[in-house]
Protein backbone atom coordinates (compact mmCIF):
# COMPACT_ATOMS: atom_id res chain seq x y z
CA MET A 1 -2.30 -10.11 0.56
CA GLN A 2 1.32 -10.06 1.44
CA ALA A 3 2.68 -7.56 4.07
CA LYS A 4 6.53 -7.03 4.55
CA ILE A 5 7.80 -4.84 7.35
CA LEU A 6 10.81 -2.77 6.08
CA LYS A 7 12.62 -1.26 9.15
CA SER A 8 14.57 2.12 8.95
CA THR A 9 16.31 4.19 11.64
CA ASP A 10 13.54 6.84 11.50
CA LYS A 11 10.35 4.76 10.68
CA ASN A 12 8.97 1.44 9.72
CA TYR A 13 7.35 0.87 6.37
CA VAL A 14 5.22 -1.86 5.05
CA GLU A 15 5.38 -3.36 1.47
CA LEU A 16 1.82 -4.39 0.42
CA ASP A 17 0.80 -6.34 -2.46
CA LEU A 18 -2.88 -5.38 -3.21
CA GLN A 19 -5.60 -5.13 -5.93
CA MET A 20 -5.96 -1.78 -7.51
CA LYS A 21 -9.60 -0.79 -7.69
CA ALA A 22 -9.35 2.77 -8.73
CA GLU A 23 -6.72 5.69 -9.15
CA THR A 24 -6.69 9.48 -9.18
CA ALA A 25 -3.98 11.76 -9.53
CA LYS A 26 -3.46 11.93 -5.78
CA ALA A 27 -4.49 8.40 -4.42
CA CYS A 28 -5.13 4.75 -4.90
CA LEU A 29 -8.07 2.82 -4.05
CA LEU A 30 -6.51 -0.70 -3.07
CA SER A 31 -8.12 -3.93 -1.71
CA ASP A 32 -6.64 -7.03 -0.09
CA GLY A 33 -9.82 -8.90 -0.99
CA ILE A 34 -11.67 -7.94 2.28
CA GLU A 35 -10.88 -4.56 3.07
CA GLU A 36 -10.59 -1.60 0.60
CA ALA A 37 -8.88 1.61 1.42
CA TRP A 38 -7.73 4.81 -0.28
CA PHE A 39 -3.96 5.53 0.09
CA PRO A 40 -2.71 9.08 -0.70
CA LYS A 41 0.21 8.82 -3.16
CA SER A 42 1.84 11.43 -1.01
CA GLN A 43 2.29 8.73 1.67
CA MET A 44 3.89 6.26 -0.70
CA GLU A 45 7.57 5.75 -0.86
CA ASP A 46 7.64 5.16 -4.52
CA GLU A 47 5.00 5.05 -7.42
CA PRO A 48 2.76 2.03 -7.34
CA GLU A 49 4.50 -0.90 -9.00
CA GLN A 50 2.36 -3.07 -11.26
CA LEU A 51 3.38 -6.88 -10.61
CA ASP A 52 3.10 -9.75 -13.08
CA ASN A 53 0.42 -11.42 -10.98
CA GLY A 54 -2.08 -8.46 -11.38
CA LEU A 55 -1.50 -6.96 -8.08
CA THR A 56 0.00 -3.56 -7.15
CA ARG A 57 2.81 -3.21 -4.82
CA ILE A 58 3.02 0.01 -2.47
CA ILE A 59 5.50 0.86 0.19
CA VAL A 60 3.71 3.07 2.90
CA PRO A 61 4.40 3.92 6.58
CA GLU A 62 3.36 0.92 8.98
CA TRP A 63 1.12 3.24 10.79
CA LEU A 64 -0.93 4.03 7.79
CA ALA A 65 -1.38 0.59 6.85
CA GLN A 66 -2.46 -0.23 10.36
CA ASP A 67 -4.81 2.70 10.22
CA LYS A 68 -6.40 1.35 7.06
CA GLY A 69 -6.88 -1.92 8.66
CA LEU A 70 -4.68 -3.88 6.11
CA ILE A 71 -2.05 -5.24 8.62
């Protein structure tokens, strides 16, 4: 998994490249190969992006990625 911290004036975001395990209308189940966690789409900055390497890129608040144990 790759994590990239994106800083802004009001809050910090993290760009994560993870494996998509499942998706519903409101959330995505993502994995870094060790941990799995549901991420609410309402907390994502953009729609999940499918990458050429088979991973999915999401941008979420840093606190959420920490809470889910992925950084």
